[in-house]
Amino acid sequence: LSIDHCLQLLCEFLDQKLLQLKNDIRSLN
């Protein structure tokens, strides 16, 4: 697999989860 592509995807998922943390801790838990 492309390591750089995995990095770019991971950055997107991290931002999504950070937004969830800010908006909906219950669903994160």
ModelCIF file with pLDDT and N, C-alpha, C, O atoms, coordinates in Angstrom:
data_MODEL
#
_entry.id   MODEL 
#
_entity.id                         1 
_entity.type                       polymer 
_entity.pdbx_number_of_molecules   1 
#
_entity_poly.entity_id                      1 
_entity_poly.type                           'polypeptide(L)' 
_entity_poly.nstd_linkage                   no 
_entity_poly.nstd_monomer                   no 
_entity_poly.pdbx_seq_one_letter_code       LSIDHCLQLLCEFLDQKLLQLKNDIRSLN 
_entity_poly.pdbx_seq_one_letter_code_can   LSIDHCLQLLCEFLDQKLLQLKNDIRSLN 
_entity_poly.pdbx_strand_id                 A 
#
loop_
_entity_poly_seq.entity_id 
_entity_poly_seq.num 
_entity_poly_seq.mon_id 
_entity_poly_seq.hetero 
1 1  LEU n 
1 2  SER n 
1 3  ILE n 
1 4  ASP n 
1 5  HIS n 
1 6  CYS n 
1 7  LEU n 
1 8  GLN n 
1 9  LEU n 
1 10 LEU n 
1 11 CYS n 
1 12 GLU n 
1 13 PHE n 
1 14 LEU n 
1 15 ASP n 
1 16 GLN n 
1 17 LYS n 
1 18 LEU n 
1 19 LEU n 
1 20 GLN n 
1 21 LEU n 
1 22 LYS n 
1 23 ASN n 
1 24 ASP n 
1 25 ILE n 
1 26 ARG n 
1 27 SER n 
1 28 LEU n 
1 29 ASN n 
#
_struct_asym.id          A 
_struct_asym.entity_id   1 
#
loop_
_ma_qa_metric.id 
_ma_qa_metric.mode 
_ma_qa_metric.name 
_ma_qa_metric.software_group_id 
_ma_qa_metric.type 
1 global pLDDT . pLDDT 
2 local  pLDDT . pLDDT 
#
_ma_qa_metric_global.metric_id      1 
_ma_qa_metric_global.metric_value   97.14 
_ma_qa_metric_global.model_id       1 
_ma_qa_metric_global.ordinal_id     1 
#
loop_
_ma_qa_metric_local.label_asym_id 
_ma_qa_metric_local.label_comp_id 
_ma_qa_metric_local.label_seq_id 
_ma_qa_metric_local.metric_id 
_ma_qa_metric_local.metric_value 
_ma_qa_metric_local.model_id 
_ma_qa_metric_local.ordinal_id 
A LEU 1  2 97.00 1 1  
A SER 2  2 97.00 1 2  
A ILE 3  2 97.00 1 3  
A ASP 4  2 97.00 1 4  
A HIS 5  2 97.00 1 5  
A CYS 6  2 97.00 1 6  
A LEU 7  2 98.00 1 7  
A GLN 8  2 97.00 1 8  
A LEU 9  2 98.00 1 9  
A LEU 10 2 98.00 1 10 
A CYS 11 2 98.00 1 11 
A GLU 12 2 97.00 1 12 
A PHE 13 2 98.00 1 13 
A LEU 14 2 98.00 1 14 
A ASP 15 2 97.00 1 15 
A GLN 16 2 97.00 1 16 
A LYS 17 2 98.00 1 17 
A LEU 18 2 96.00 1 18 
A LEU 19 2 96.00 1 19 
A GLN 20 2 97.00 1 20 
A LEU 21 2 97.00 1 21 
A LYS 22 2 95.00 1 22 
A ASN 23 2 96.00 1 23 
A ASP 24 2 97.00 1 24 
A ILE 25 2 97.00 1 25 
A ARG 26 2 97.00 1 26 
A SER 27 2 98.00 1 27 
A LEU 28 2 98.00 1 28 
A ASN 29 2 97.00 1 29 
#
loop_
_atom_site.group_PDB 
_atom_site.id 
_atom_site.type_symbol 
_atom_site.label_atom_id 
_atom_site.label_alt_id 
_atom_site.label_comp_id 
_atom_site.label_asym_id 
_atom_site.label_entity_id 
_atom_site.label_seq_id 
_atom_site.pdbx_PDB_ins_code 
_atom_site.Cartn_x 
_atom_site.Cartn_y 
_atom_site.Cartn_z 
_atom_site.occupancy 
_atom_site.B_iso_or_equiv 
_atom_site.pdbx_formal_charge 
_atom_site.auth_seq_id 
_atom_site.auth_comp_id 
_atom_site.auth_asym_id 
_atom_site.auth_atom_id 
_atom_site.pdbx_PDB_model_num 
ATOM 1   N N  . LEU A 1 1  ? 0.834   -1.191 0.000  1.00 97.00 ? 1  LEU A N  1 
ATOM 2   C CA . LEU A 1 1  ? 0.000   0.000  0.000  1.00 97.00 ? 1  LEU A CA 1 
ATOM 3   C C  . LEU A 1 1  ? 0.873   1.247  0.000  1.00 97.00 ? 1  LEU A C  1 
ATOM 4   O O  . LEU A 1 1  ? 2.045   1.191  0.372  1.00 97.00 ? 1  LEU A O  1 
ATOM 5   N N  . SER A 1 2  ? 0.304   2.364  -0.415 1.00 97.00 ? 2  SER A N  1 
ATOM 6   C CA . SER A 1 2  ? 0.998   3.642  -0.372 1.00 97.00 ? 2  SER A CA 1 
ATOM 7   C C  . SER A 1 2  ? 0.973   4.180  1.055  1.00 97.00 ? 2  SER A C  1 
ATOM 8   O O  . SER A 1 2  ? -0.093  4.439  1.614  1.00 97.00 ? 2  SER A O  1 
ATOM 9   N N  . ILE A 1 3  ? 2.153   4.343  1.634  1.00 97.00 ? 3  ILE A N  1 
ATOM 10  C CA . ILE A 1 3  ? 2.231   4.856  3.005  1.00 97.00 ? 3  ILE A CA 1 
ATOM 11  C C  . ILE A 1 3  ? 1.725   6.294  3.058  1.00 97.00 ? 3  ILE A C  1 
ATOM 12  O O  . ILE A 1 3  ? 1.049   6.681  4.011  1.00 97.00 ? 3  ILE A O  1 
ATOM 13  N N  . ASP A 1 4  ? 2.046   7.081  2.044  1.00 97.00 ? 4  ASP A N  1 
ATOM 14  C CA . ASP A 1 4  ? 1.598   8.477  2.037  1.00 97.00 ? 4  ASP A CA 1 
ATOM 15  C C  . ASP A 1 4  ? 0.083   8.568  1.938  1.00 97.00 ? 4  ASP A C  1 
ATOM 16  O O  . ASP A 1 4  ? -0.533  9.434  2.559  1.00 97.00 ? 4  ASP A O  1 
ATOM 17  N N  . HIS A 1 5  ? -0.519  7.674  1.156  1.00 97.00 ? 5  HIS A N  1 
ATOM 18  C CA . HIS A 1 5  ? -1.988  7.666  1.060  1.00 97.00 ? 5  HIS A CA 1 
ATOM 19  C C  . HIS A 1 5  ? -2.605  7.297  2.409  1.00 97.00 ? 5  HIS A C  1 
ATOM 20  O O  . HIS A 1 5  ? -3.609  7.880  2.816  1.00 97.00 ? 5  HIS A O  1 
ATOM 21  N N  . CYS A 1 6  ? -2.004  6.329  3.099  1.00 97.00 ? 6  CYS A N  1 
ATOM 22  C CA . CYS A 1 6  ? -2.491  5.965  4.434  1.00 97.00 ? 6  CYS A CA 1 
ATOM 23  C C  . CYS A 1 6  ? -2.380  7.139  5.392  1.00 97.00 ? 6  CYS A C  1 
ATOM 24  O O  . CYS A 1 6  ? -3.268  7.356  6.216  1.00 97.00 ? 6  CYS A O  1 
ATOM 25  N N  . LEU A 1 7  ? -1.293  7.899  5.288  1.00 98.00 ? 7  LEU A N  1 
ATOM 26  C CA . LEU A 1 7  ? -1.115  9.078  6.136  1.00 98.00 ? 7  LEU A CA 1 
ATOM 27  C C  . LEU A 1 7  ? -2.197  10.113 5.865  1.00 98.00 ? 7  LEU A C  1 
ATOM 28  O O  . LEU A 1 7  ? -2.781  10.657 6.802  1.00 98.00 ? 7  LEU A O  1 
ATOM 29  N N  . GLN A 1 8  ? -2.466  10.389 4.604  1.00 97.00 ? 8  GLN A N  1 
ATOM 30  C CA . GLN A 1 8  ? -3.485  11.381 4.266  1.00 97.00 ? 8  GLN A CA 1 
ATOM 31  C C  . GLN A 1 8  ? -4.866  10.949 4.764  1.00 97.00 ? 8  GLN A C  1 
ATOM 32  O O  . GLN A 1 8  ? -5.626  11.761 5.292  1.00 97.00 ? 8  GLN A O  1 
ATOM 33  N N  . LEU A 1 9  ? -5.180  9.670  4.592  1.00 98.00 ? 9  LEU A N  1 
ATOM 34  C CA . LEU A 1 9  ? -6.459  9.166  5.093  1.00 98.00 ? 9  LEU A CA 1 
ATOM 35  C C  . LEU A 1 9  ? -6.536  9.269  6.613  1.00 98.00 ? 9  LEU A C  1 
ATOM 36  O O  . LEU A 1 9  ? -7.565  9.665  7.161  1.00 98.00 ? 9  LEU A O  1 
ATOM 37  N N  . LEU A 1 10 ? -5.445  8.913  7.290  1.00 98.00 ? 10 LEU A N  1 
ATOM 38  C CA . LEU A 1 10 ? -5.439  8.969  8.745  1.00 98.00 ? 10 LEU A CA 1 
ATOM 39  C C  . LEU A 1 10 ? -5.656  10.392 9.237  1.00 98.00 ? 10 LEU A C  1 
ATOM 40  O O  . LEU A 1 10 ? -6.376  10.600 10.213 1.00 98.00 ? 10 LEU A O  1 
ATOM 41  N N  . CYS A 1 11 ? -5.060  11.358 8.591  1.00 98.00 ? 11 CYS A N  1 
ATOM 42  C CA . CYS A 1 11 ? -5.266  12.761 8.978  1.00 98.00 ? 11 CYS A CA 1 
ATOM 43  C C  . CYS A 1 11 ? -6.746  13.133 8.897  1.00 98.00 ? 11 CYS A C  1 
ATOM 44  O O  . CYS A 1 11 ? -7.256  13.857 9.751  1.00 98.00 ? 11 CYS A O  1 
ATOM 45  N N  . GLU A 1 12 ? -7.425  12.639 7.875  1.00 97.00 ? 12 GLU A N  1 
ATOM 46  C CA . GLU A 1 12 ? -8.856  12.910 7.738  1.00 97.00 ? 12 GLU A CA 1 
ATOM 47  C C  . GLU A 1 12 ? -9.648  12.256 8.859  1.00 97.00 ? 12 GLU A C  1 
ATOM 48  O O  . GLU A 1 12 ? -10.541 12.881 9.431  1.00 97.00 ? 12 GLU A O  1 
ATOM 49  N N  . PHE A 1 13 ? -9.332  11.005 9.180  1.00 98.00 ? 13 PHE A N  1 
ATOM 50  C CA . PHE A 1 13 ? -10.051 10.313 10.249 1.00 98.00 ? 13 PHE A CA 1 
ATOM 51  C C  . PHE A 1 13 ? -9.770  10.960 11.612 1.00 98.00 ? 13 PHE A C  1 
ATOM 52  O O  . PHE A 1 13 ? -10.665 11.036 12.454 1.00 98.00 ? 13 PHE A O  1 
ATOM 53  N N  . LEU A 1 14 ? -8.556  11.417 11.830 1.00 98.00 ? 14 LEU A N  1 
ATOM 54  C CA . LEU A 1 14 ? -8.228  12.099 13.081 1.00 98.00 ? 14 LEU A CA 1 
ATOM 55  C C  . LEU A 1 14 ? -9.043  13.373 13.230 1.00 98.00 ? 14 LEU A C  1 
ATOM 56  O O  . LEU A 1 14 ? -9.544  13.663 14.316 1.00 98.00 ? 14 LEU A O  1 
ATOM 57  N N  . ASP A 1 15 ? -9.183  14.135 12.157 1.00 97.00 ? 15 ASP A N  1 
ATOM 58  C CA . ASP A 1 15 ? -9.984  15.349 12.218 1.00 97.00 ? 15 ASP A CA 1 
ATOM 59  C C  . ASP A 1 15 ? -11.453 15.036 12.479 1.00 97.00 ? 15 ASP A C  1 
ATOM 60  O O  . ASP A 1 15 ? -12.124 15.749 13.225 1.00 97.00 ? 15 ASP A O  1 
ATOM 61  N N  . GLN A 1 16 ? -11.950 13.964 11.857 1.00 97.00 ? 16 GLN A N  1 
ATOM 62  C CA . GLN A 1 16 ? -13.341 13.575 12.084 1.00 97.00 ? 16 GLN A CA 1 
ATOM 63  C C  . GLN A 1 16 ? -13.584 13.229 13.551 1.00 97.00 ? 16 GLN A C  1 
ATOM 64  O O  . GLN A 1 16 ? -14.588 13.639 14.133 1.00 97.00 ? 16 GLN A O  1 
ATOM 65  N N  . LYS A 1 17 ? -12.664 12.474 14.145 1.00 98.00 ? 17 LYS A N  1 
ATOM 66  C CA . LYS A 1 17 ? -12.832 12.079 15.541 1.00 98.00 ? 17 LYS A CA 1 
ATOM 67  C C  . LYS A 1 17 ? -12.617 13.265 16.482 1.00 98.00 ? 17 LYS A C  1 
ATOM 68  O O  . LYS A 1 17 ? -13.256 13.341 17.531 1.00 98.00 ? 17 LYS A O  1 
ATOM 69  N N  . LEU A 1 18 ? -11.741 14.175 16.127 1.00 96.00 ? 18 LEU A N  1 
ATOM 70  C CA . LEU A 1 18 ? -11.559 15.377 16.938 1.00 96.00 ? 18 LEU A CA 1 
ATOM 71  C C  . LEU A 1 18 ? -12.841 16.210 16.938 1.00 96.00 ? 18 LEU A C  1 
ATOM 72  O O  . LEU A 1 18 ? -13.215 16.767 17.970 1.00 96.00 ? 18 LEU A O  1 
ATOM 73  N N  . LEU A 1 19 ? -13.507 16.297 15.806 1.00 96.00 ? 19 LEU A N  1 
ATOM 74  C CA . LEU A 1 19 ? -14.785 17.008 15.727 1.00 96.00 ? 19 LEU A CA 1 
ATOM 75  C C  . LEU A 1 19 ? -15.843 16.294 16.564 1.00 96.00 ? 19 LEU A C  1 
ATOM 76  O O  . LEU A 1 19 ? -16.646 16.948 17.229 1.00 96.00 ? 19 LEU A O  1 
ATOM 77  N N  . GLN A 1 20 ? -15.852 14.970 16.539 1.00 97.00 ? 20 GLN A N  1 
ATOM 78  C CA . GLN A 1 20 ? -16.787 14.212 17.371 1.00 97.00 ? 20 GLN A CA 1 
ATOM 79  C C  . GLN A 1 20 ? -16.530 14.486 18.851 1.00 97.00 ? 20 GLN A C  1 
ATOM 80  O O  . GLN A 1 20 ? -17.470 14.624 19.634 1.00 97.00 ? 20 GLN A O  1 
ATOM 81  N N  . LEU A 1 21 ? -15.263 14.565 19.228 1.00 97.00 ? 21 LEU A N  1 
ATOM 82  C CA . LEU A 1 21 ? -14.908 14.878 20.618 1.00 97.00 ? 21 LEU A CA 1 
ATOM 83  C C  . LEU A 1 21 ? -15.483 16.218 21.045 1.00 97.00 ? 21 LEU A C  1 
ATOM 84  O O  . LEU A 1 21 ? -15.971 16.359 22.166 1.00 97.00 ? 21 LEU A O  1 
ATOM 85  N N  . LYS A 1 22 ? -15.429 17.183 20.174 1.00 95.00 ? 22 LYS A N  1 
ATOM 86  C CA . LYS A 1 22 ? -15.908 18.525 20.497 1.00 95.00 ? 22 LYS A CA 1 
ATOM 87  C C  . LYS A 1 22 ? -17.437 18.588 20.566 1.00 95.00 ? 22 LYS A C  1 
ATOM 88  O O  . LYS A 1 22 ? -18.002 19.392 21.308 1.00 95.00 ? 22 LYS A O  1 
ATOM 89  N N  . ASN A 1 23 ? -18.099 17.724 19.778 1.00 96.00 ? 23 ASN A N  1 
ATOM 90  C CA . ASN A 1 23 ? -19.549 17.854 19.630 1.00 96.00 ? 23 ASN A CA 1 
ATOM 91  C C  . ASN A 1 23 ? -20.376 16.779 20.317 1.00 96.00 ? 23 ASN A C  1 
ATOM 92  O O  . ASN A 1 23 ? -21.536 17.018 20.650 1.00 96.00 ? 23 ASN A O  1 
ATOM 93  N N  . ASP A 1 24 ? -19.797 15.585 20.537 1.00 97.00 ? 24 ASP A N  1 
ATOM 94  C CA . ASP A 1 24 ? -20.618 14.475 21.025 1.00 97.00 ? 24 ASP A CA 1 
ATOM 95  C C  . ASP A 1 24 ? -19.762 13.448 21.766 1.00 97.00 ? 24 ASP A C  1 
ATOM 96  O O  . ASP A 1 24 ? -19.463 12.380 21.232 1.00 97.00 ? 24 ASP A O  1 
ATOM 97  N N  . ILE A 1 25 ? -19.376 13.771 22.978 1.00 97.00 ? 25 ILE A N  1 
ATOM 98  C CA . ILE A 1 25 ? -18.521 12.883 23.765 1.00 97.00 ? 25 ILE A CA 1 
ATOM 99  C C  . ILE A 1 25 ? -19.214 11.550 24.044 1.00 97.00 ? 25 ILE A C  1 
ATOM 100 O O  . ILE A 1 25 ? -18.567 10.503 24.073 1.00 97.00 ? 25 ILE A O  1 
ATOM 101 N N  . ARG A 1 26 ? -20.521 11.593 24.246 1.00 97.00 ? 26 ARG A N  1 
ATOM 102 C CA . ARG A 1 26 ? -21.244 10.358 24.559 1.00 97.00 ? 26 ARG A CA 1 
ATOM 103 C C  . ARG A 1 26 ? -21.084 9.334  23.443 1.00 97.00 ? 26 ARG A C  1 
ATOM 104 O O  . ARG A 1 26 ? -20.804 8.168  23.718 1.00 97.00 ? 26 ARG A O  1 
ATOM 105 N N  . SER A 1 27 ? -21.256 9.747  22.191 1.00 98.00 ? 27 SER A N  1 
ATOM 106 C CA . SER A 1 27 ? -21.119 8.803  21.083 1.00 98.00 ? 27 SER A CA 1 
ATOM 107 C C  . SER A 1 27 ? -19.671 8.346  20.926 1.00 98.00 ? 27 SER A C  1 
ATOM 108 O O  . SER A 1 27 ? -19.421 7.212  20.517 1.00 98.00 ? 27 SER A O  1 
ATOM 109 N N  . LEU A 1 28 ? -18.720 9.216  21.246 1.00 98.00 ? 28 LEU A N  1 
ATOM 110 C CA . LEU A 1 28 ? -17.304 8.834  21.206 1.00 98.00 ? 28 LEU A CA 1 
ATOM 111 C C  . LEU A 1 28 ? -17.034 7.715  22.205 1.00 98.00 ? 28 LEU A C  1 
ATOM 112 O O  . LEU A 1 28 ? -16.353 6.741  21.884 1.00 98.00 ? 28 LEU A O  1 
ATOM 113 N N  . ASN A 1 29 ? -17.571 7.856  23.424 1.00 97.00 ? 29 ASN A N  1 
ATOM 114 C CA . ASN A 1 29 ? -17.398 6.817  24.446 1.00 97.00 ? 29 ASN A CA 1 
ATOM 115 C C  . ASN A 1 29 ? -18.033 5.502  24.010 1.00 97.00 ? 29 ASN A C  1 
ATOM 116 O O  . ASN A 1 29 ? -17.984 4.518  24.748 1.00 97.00 ? 29 ASN A O  1 
#
